[in-house]
Protein backbone atom coordinates (compact mmCIF):
# COMPACT_ATOMS: atom_id res chain seq x y z
CA MET A 1 0.00 0.00 0.00
CA LEU A 2 1.40 3.43 -0.94
CA LEU A 3 1.75 5.72 2.04
CA ASP A 4 1.56 9.44 1.30
CA ASN A 5 1.99 10.74 4.87
CA PRO A 6 4.89 11.53 5.31
CA ALA A 7 32.73 0.18 21.30
CA PRO A 8 31.74 2.32 24.19
CA SER A 9 34.08 4.41 26.28
CA MET A 10 33.81 7.50 28.44
CA ARG A 11 32.58 10.34 26.26
CA ALA A 12 31.38 13.89 26.65
CA PRO A 13 27.63 14.33 27.17
CA GLN A 14 25.71 13.88 23.94
CA PRO A 15 23.07 16.31 22.62
CA VAL A 16 19.44 15.35 22.95
CA THR A 17 18.54 14.30 19.42
CA ALA A 18 16.53 11.42 18.03
CA ALA A 19 19.29 10.38 15.62
CA LEU A 20 22.52 11.71 14.18
CA HIS A 21 21.27 10.94 10.68
CA PRO A 22 17.48 11.32 10.69
CA VAL A 23 15.38 9.76 7.95
CA ARG A 24 13.81 12.50 5.85
CA ALA A 25 10.58 11.88 4.00
CA PHE A 26 9.37 13.50 0.78
CA SER A 27 5.82 12.97 -0.48
CA THR A 28 3.76 14.28 -3.37
CA ALA A 29 0.63 14.18 -1.18
CA LEU A 30 0.43 17.96 -0.73
CA VAL A 31 1.69 18.85 -4.20
CA PRO A 32 -0.92 19.82 -6.85
CA PRO A 33 -1.34 16.92 -9.32
CA GLU A 34 0.02 18.88 -12.30
CA GLN A 35 3.21 19.71 -10.37
CA ARG A 36 3.93 16.28 -8.92
CA LEU A 37 6.24 14.91 -11.62
CA PRO A 38 8.46 18.03 -11.68
CA ALA A 39 8.57 18.03 -7.87
CA TRP A 40 9.44 14.33 -7.85
CA GLU A 41 12.19 14.85 -10.43
CA LYS A 42 13.67 17.73 -8.45
CA HIS A 43 13.66 15.77 -5.20
CA ASN A 44 15.41 12.77 -6.76
CA ALA A 45 17.98 14.99 -8.46
CA ASP A 46 18.78 16.61 -5.10
CA ALA A 47 18.59 13.51 -2.91
CA LEU A 48 19.45 10.48 -5.05
CA ILE A 49 19.88 10.45 -8.86
CA ALA A 50 18.62 12.87 -11.51
CA LEU A 51 15.98 11.13 -13.65
CA LYS A 52 13.35 12.07 -16.22
CA CYS A 53 9.97 10.67 -15.16
CA ARG A 54 6.92 9.82 -17.26
CA THR A 55 3.50 8.47 -16.36
CA HIS A 56 1.38 6.16 -18.47
CA GLY A 57 -2.40 6.04 -18.44
CA ASP A 58 -4.84 8.13 -16.44
CA GLU A 59 -3.91 7.15 -12.89
CA GLU A 60 -3.02 10.09 -10.66
CA PHE A 61 0.70 10.02 -9.85
CA ARG A 62 1.59 9.58 -6.18
CA ALA A 63 5.00 8.96 -4.65
CA ARG A 64 6.96 8.95 -1.41
CA GLU A 65 10.65 8.63 -0.68
CA ASP A 66 12.35 8.14 2.70
CA ASN A 67 16.00 9.20 2.57
CA LEU A 68 18.94 8.65 4.91
CA GLN A 69 22.38 10.14 4.21
CA LEU A 70 25.46 8.43 5.69
CA GLY A 71 28.53 10.27 4.47
CA ARG A 72 29.08 9.02 0.91
CA VAL A 73 26.36 6.38 1.14
CA HIS A 74 22.75 7.38 0.58
CA LEU A 75 19.88 5.04 1.45
CA ALA A 76 16.26 5.35 0.35
CA ARG A 77 12.96 3.55 0.25
CA VAL A 78 10.95 4.59 -2.79
CA ARG A 79 7.22 4.01 -3.34
CA SER A 80 5.05 5.26 -6.18
CA THR A 81 2.27 4.54 -8.61
CA ALA A 82 3.06 3.27 -12.12
CA HIS A 83 5.57 5.30 -14.14
CA SER A 84 8.91 5.05 -15.94
CA VAL A 85 12.23 6.85 -15.48
CA GLU A 86 15.17 7.57 -17.76
CA ARG A 87 18.76 8.40 -16.92
CA SER A 88 19.80 10.02 -20.20
CA LEU A 89 23.21 11.09 -21.47
CA ASP A 90 22.11 14.72 -21.17
CA LEU A 91 21.19 14.29 -17.49
CA ILE A 92 24.42 12.41 -16.81
CA GLY A 93 26.40 15.25 -18.36
CA GLU A 94 24.50 17.88 -16.39
CA GLN A 95 24.31 16.01 -13.07
CA PRO A 96 26.89 13.22 -12.79
CA THR A 97 27.03 11.22 -9.57
CA GLY A 98 30.35 9.38 -9.63
CA ALA A 99 28.45 6.61 -7.89
CA LEU A 100 27.07 3.11 -8.08
CA ALA A 101 23.33 2.59 -7.74
CA LEU A 102 21.82 -0.44 -6.07
CA PHE A 103 18.12 -1.30 -6.25
CA VAL A 104 16.23 -4.03 -4.38
CA SER A 105 12.70 -4.70 -5.58
CA LEU A 106 10.11 -5.20 -2.83
CA ARG A 107 6.86 -5.34 -4.80
CA GLY A 108 5.79 -5.83 -8.41
CA GLU A 109 7.92 -6.27 -11.52
CA ALA A 110 10.41 -3.63 -12.64
CA LEU A 111 11.95 -3.31 -16.09
CA PHE A 112 15.62 -2.33 -16.41
CA GLN A 113 17.05 -1.52 -19.83
CA GLN A 114 20.66 -0.57 -20.48
CA ALA A 115 22.95 -0.88 -23.52
CA GLY A 116 20.17 -2.57 -25.51
CA ARG A 117 19.55 -5.30 -22.90
CA ARG A 118 16.25 -5.65 -21.05
CA GLN A 119 15.96 -7.30 -17.64
CA VAL A 120 12.90 -7.88 -15.48
CA LEU A 121 13.39 -7.63 -11.73
CA ARG A 122 10.97 -9.33 -9.39
CA PRO A 123 10.49 -8.95 -5.61
CA GLY A 124 13.69 -9.86 -3.79
CA ASP A 125 15.94 -9.35 -6.82
CA LEU A 126 18.90 -6.96 -6.49
CA LEU A 127 20.59 -4.88 -9.18
CA VAL A 128 23.84 -2.89 -9.08
CA CYS A 129 24.74 -0.54 -11.93
CA ASP A 130 26.85 2.50 -12.76
CA ALA A 131 24.61 5.48 -12.01
CA ASP A 132 26.42 7.44 -14.73
CA GLY A 133 25.52 5.01 -17.47
CA PRO A 134 22.26 5.70 -19.38
CA PHE A 135 19.34 3.45 -18.49
CA VAL A 136 15.56 3.22 -18.54
CA ARG A 137 13.43 1.71 -15.79
CA GLY A 138 9.71 0.97 -15.88
CA PHE A 139 7.23 0.20 -13.09
CA GLY A 140 3.97 -0.86 -14.68
CA ASP A 141 2.55 -2.22 -11.41
CA GLY A 142 3.82 0.62 -9.26
CA LEU A 143 7.08 0.85 -7.39
CA ASP A 144 8.26 -0.22 -3.95
CA GLU A 145 12.00 -0.67 -3.60
CA LEU A 146 15.12 0.04 -1.63
CA ALA A 147 17.77 2.17 -3.31
CA LEU A 148 21.40 2.99 -2.52
CA ARG A 149 23.77 5.49 -4.04
CA VAL A 150 27.39 4.78 -3.11
CA ASP A 151 30.30 7.03 -4.05
CA ARG A 152 32.77 4.98 -6.11
CA ARG A 153 35.70 6.56 -4.25
CA VAL A 154 34.84 4.74 -1.01
CA LEU A 155 35.36 1.33 -2.63
CA PRO A 156 38.78 -0.36 -2.31
CA GLU A 157 41.15 0.23 -5.24
CA GLU A 158 41.22 -3.47 -6.11
CA ILE A 159 37.47 -3.53 -6.75
CA ARG A 160 36.24 -3.33 -10.32
CA PRO A 161 32.61 -2.23 -9.94
CA PRO A 162 30.02 -2.63 -12.71
CA ALA A 163 30.72 -0.40 -15.70
CA PRO A 164 28.02 1.23 -17.87
CA GLY A 165 26.17 -1.51 -19.72
CA GLU A 166 27.37 -4.22 -17.31
CA PRO A 167 24.83 -4.33 -14.47
CA LEU A 168 25.12 -6.97 -11.76
CA ILE A 169 21.84 -8.76 -11.02
CA VAL A 170 21.39 -11.08 -8.06
CA ARG A 171 18.17 -13.05 -8.13
CA ARG A 172 16.23 -13.78 -4.98
CA SER A 173 16.78 -17.50 -5.52
CA GLU A 174 20.57 -17.11 -5.39
CA ALA A 175 22.34 -17.81 -2.09
CA ASN A 176 24.16 -14.49 -1.80
CA PRO A 177 24.86 -13.45 1.81
CA TYR A 178 26.13 -9.97 0.88
CA GLY A 179 23.03 -8.90 -1.00
CA ARG A 180 20.76 -10.27 1.70
CA ALA A 181 22.69 -8.49 4.45
CA ILE A 182 22.58 -5.17 2.57
CA THR A 183 18.86 -5.56 1.99
CA ARG A 184 18.19 -6.17 5.69
CA LEU A 185 20.38 -3.26 6.84
CA VAL A 186 18.88 -0.77 4.42
CA GLY A 187 15.33 -2.03 4.89
CA ARG A 188 15.49 -1.51 8.65
CA ALA A 189 17.16 1.90 8.33
CA VAL A 190 14.62 3.49 5.98
CA GLY A 191 11.66 1.24 6.71
CA GLY A 192 11.01 2.43 10.25
CA GLN A 193 12.14 -0.73 12.05
CA ASP A 194 15.48 0.57 13.32
CA PRO A 195 15.91 4.06 14.84
CA THR A 196 19.72 3.86 14.71
CA PRO A 197 21.55 4.43 11.42
CA PRO A 198 23.57 1.47 10.12
CA ASP A 199 27.35 1.62 10.00
CA GLU A 200 28.46 3.16 6.70
CA GLN A 201 31.63 1.07 6.48
CA THR A 202 29.68 -2.16 6.89
CA ILE A 203 27.51 -1.25 3.89
CA VAL A 204 30.59 -0.31 1.84
CA ASP A 205 32.31 -3.59 2.73
CA LEU A 206 29.22 -5.65 1.88
CA LEU A 207 28.86 -3.87 -1.47
CA SER A 208 32.56 -4.41 -2.17
CA ALA A 209 32.16 -8.12 -1.49
CA LEU A 210 29.04 -8.20 -3.65
CA VAL A 211 30.67 -6.69 -6.75
CA GLY A 212 34.32 -7.56 -6.08
CA ASN A 213 34.28 -11.12 -7.43
CA GLY A 214 36.59 -12.39 -4.70
CA ALA A 215 38.93 -9.37 -4.66
CA VAL A 216 37.99 -8.30 -1.12
CA ARG A 217 40.23 -9.62 1.63
CA PRO A 218 38.61 -12.34 3.79
CA HIS A 219 38.87 -10.44 7.08
CA VAL A 220 36.95 -7.51 5.55
CA VAL A 221 34.18 -9.83 4.39
CA HIS A 222 34.02 -11.56 7.76
CA ARG A 223 33.87 -8.22 9.57
CA ALA A 224 31.04 -6.95 7.39
CA LEU A 225 28.98 -10.14 7.72
CA ALA A 226 29.57 -10.28 11.48
CA CYS A 227 28.53 -6.65 11.98
CA ALA A 228 25.44 -7.15 9.82
CA TYR A 229 24.46 -10.26 11.80
CA VAL A 230 24.87 -8.36 15.07
CA GLU A 231 22.46 -5.71 13.79
CA ASP A 232 19.94 -8.44 12.95
CA ARG A 233 20.06 -9.90 16.46
CA LEU A 234 20.92 -6.83 18.55
CA ARG A 235 17.76 -7.00 20.66
CA ASP A 236 18.35 -10.66 21.60
CA PRO A 237 19.94 -10.86 25.10
CA GLY A 238 21.27 -14.30 24.21
CA LEU A 239 23.41 -13.09 21.30
CA SER A 240 26.86 -14.67 21.63
CA ALA A 241 30.22 -14.70 19.86
CA SER A 242 29.81 -18.40 19.05
CA GLU A 243 26.45 -17.73 17.38
CA VAL A 244 27.88 -14.92 15.24
CA ALA A 245 30.98 -16.92 14.33
CA ARG A 246 28.85 -19.87 13.29
CA ALA A 247 26.62 -17.62 11.14
CA VAL A 248 29.64 -16.09 9.39
CA GLY A 249 31.38 -19.45 8.94
CA ILE A 250 34.49 -18.79 11.02
CA SER A 251 35.80 -19.82 14.45
CA VAL A 252 35.32 -17.77 17.60
CA ARG A 253 39.08 -17.14 17.60
CA GLN A 254 38.88 -15.72 14.09
CA LEU A 255 35.92 -13.58 15.11
CA THR A 256 37.95 -12.22 18.01
CA ARG A 257 40.74 -11.24 15.60
CA VAL A 258 38.22 -9.59 13.26
CA PHE A 259 36.97 -7.27 16.00
CA ALA A 260 40.48 -6.71 17.36
CA GLY A 261 41.30 -5.32 13.92
CA MET A 262 38.52 -2.77 14.51
CA GLY A 263 40.12 -1.76 17.81
CA ARG A 264 37.50 -3.34 20.05
CA THR A 265 36.33 -6.64 21.48
CA PHE A 266 33.20 -8.41 20.33
CA PRO A 267 31.34 -7.77 23.64
CA ARG A 268 32.22 -4.05 23.51
CA HIS A 269 30.99 -3.78 19.94
CA VAL A 270 27.64 -5.36 20.85
CA LEU A 271 27.34 -3.21 23.96
CA GLY A 272 28.10 -0.06 21.98
CA ARG A 273 25.46 -0.79 19.36
CA ARG A 274 22.89 -1.63 22.04
CA LEU A 275 23.59 1.69 23.76
CA ASP A 276 23.23 3.50 20.43
CA LEU A 277 19.85 1.85 19.97
CA ALA A 278 18.76 2.73 23.50
CA HIS A 279 19.80 6.37 23.02
CA SER A 280 17.72 6.60 19.84
CA LEU A 281 14.68 5.10 21.55
CA LEU A 282 14.97 7.31 24.65
CA ALA A 283 15.41 10.45 22.55
CA GLY A 284 12.71 9.48 20.07
CA PRO A 285 9.07 10.52 19.78
CA ASP A 286 7.77 7.46 21.66
CA ALA A 287 10.07 7.75 24.68
CA ARG A 288 7.27 8.77 27.06
CA ALA A 289 5.33 5.59 26.26
CA VAL A 290 7.98 3.24 27.67
CA SER A 291 10.02 3.10 30.88
CA THR A 292 13.78 2.93 31.11
CA ALA A 293 13.53 -0.70 32.19
CA VAL A 294 11.45 -1.54 29.11
CA VAL A 295 13.97 0.19 26.83
CA ALA A 296 16.78 -1.76 28.45
CA ALA A 297 14.96 -5.04 27.78
CA MET A 298 14.13 -3.96 24.20
CA CYS A 299 17.84 -3.39 23.57
CA GLY A 300 19.00 -6.78 24.77
CA PHE A 301 20.09 -5.93 28.33
CA ARG A 302 19.42 -8.57 30.98
CA SER A 303 20.05 -6.13 33.83
CA THR A 304 18.51 -2.66 34.12
CA ALA A 305 21.22 -1.68 36.59
CA HIS A 306 23.97 -2.63 34.14
CA PHE A 307 22.18 -0.75 31.39
CA SER A 308 21.85 2.40 33.50
CA GLN A 309 25.49 2.32 34.54
CA THR A 310 26.91 1.81 31.03
CA PHE A 311 24.49 4.30 29.50
CA GLN A 312 25.59 7.10 31.83
CA ALA A 313 29.26 6.22 31.31
CA ARG A 314 28.81 6.38 27.54
CA PHE A 315 26.68 9.51 27.17
CA GLY A 316 27.34 11.51 30.33
CA ILE A 317 23.62 11.60 31.17
CA THR A 318 21.31 9.07 32.77
CA ALA A 319 18.74 7.26 30.67
CA GLY A 320 15.93 8.84 32.70
CA GLU A 321 17.34 12.35 32.24
CA LEU A 322 17.57 11.88 28.49
CA ARG A 323 14.03 10.54 28.33
CA ARG A 324 12.64 13.49 30.30
CA ALA A 325 14.65 16.05 28.30
CA ALA A 326 13.45 14.56 25.03
CA ALA A 327 9.83 14.72 26.23
CA GLN A 328 10.18 18.42 27.12
CA HIS A 329 11.35 19.23 23.59
CA ARG A 330 8.13 17.86 22.08
């Protein structure tokens, strides 16, 4: 259904904000019908990729996009009624991106045409292409997808990403852990399930593994998959190093070395991400509806006392103080 409404250590006290990288929503709901396509084109040119949009038939055009910027990685969830888009040579010349684009279809069939080749993407399929290569995409049944724009310069030098006319397509039926992990991370970030932004480097590493054809060093791949798995199970108090190691396909000793290379231990990484999640929940719009103890349990803490102690050590403010301060600002 299309919706039109829009490792811890002692640190200085943090500002009372819901998130460092808030999701921003754009909707055509309040735009006059005759101005919706131009408004949609302008938003995408500013926030994602410049495209020329066309509608087909008499259905009134409606669209919404939820955007999240993480440095040189931009995440979005895009929903709209039926239409088509074109990334032309003229637009590329006027507004180049220097980026790769990744699309994950969530609903309906989507046509992708580039360099004379036509591909049909179905729900669960993933496509990576050069955003500065001309292409046409069509959404006859409407559009619901996840989209990423990733600056090419953040990829390792040894990676040869898809060139214009050479898109990478991963079908839902393929056993590809990198594509699945990216889809879960992005889906939670811009789909409303996760109030904390994902780690930018984890997304870059997963994309590098996805397009690198074995060129990415094993410890980088293991780190990315481990961090993505932790995000999946962050709220589970029983999450353990052995479980993560088994999911990634390495030993616990190897997992320990992976996190040591990041300058932290596995338990400190998990604790840090749980505290990040708790901070987002306590500073968010629903903070008044839940107690500190409930937030602690929601974030995987077995002990409210331990949560309170580590939270204050991390942020320089108690969980209750943050919750009350956030409520006063609303």
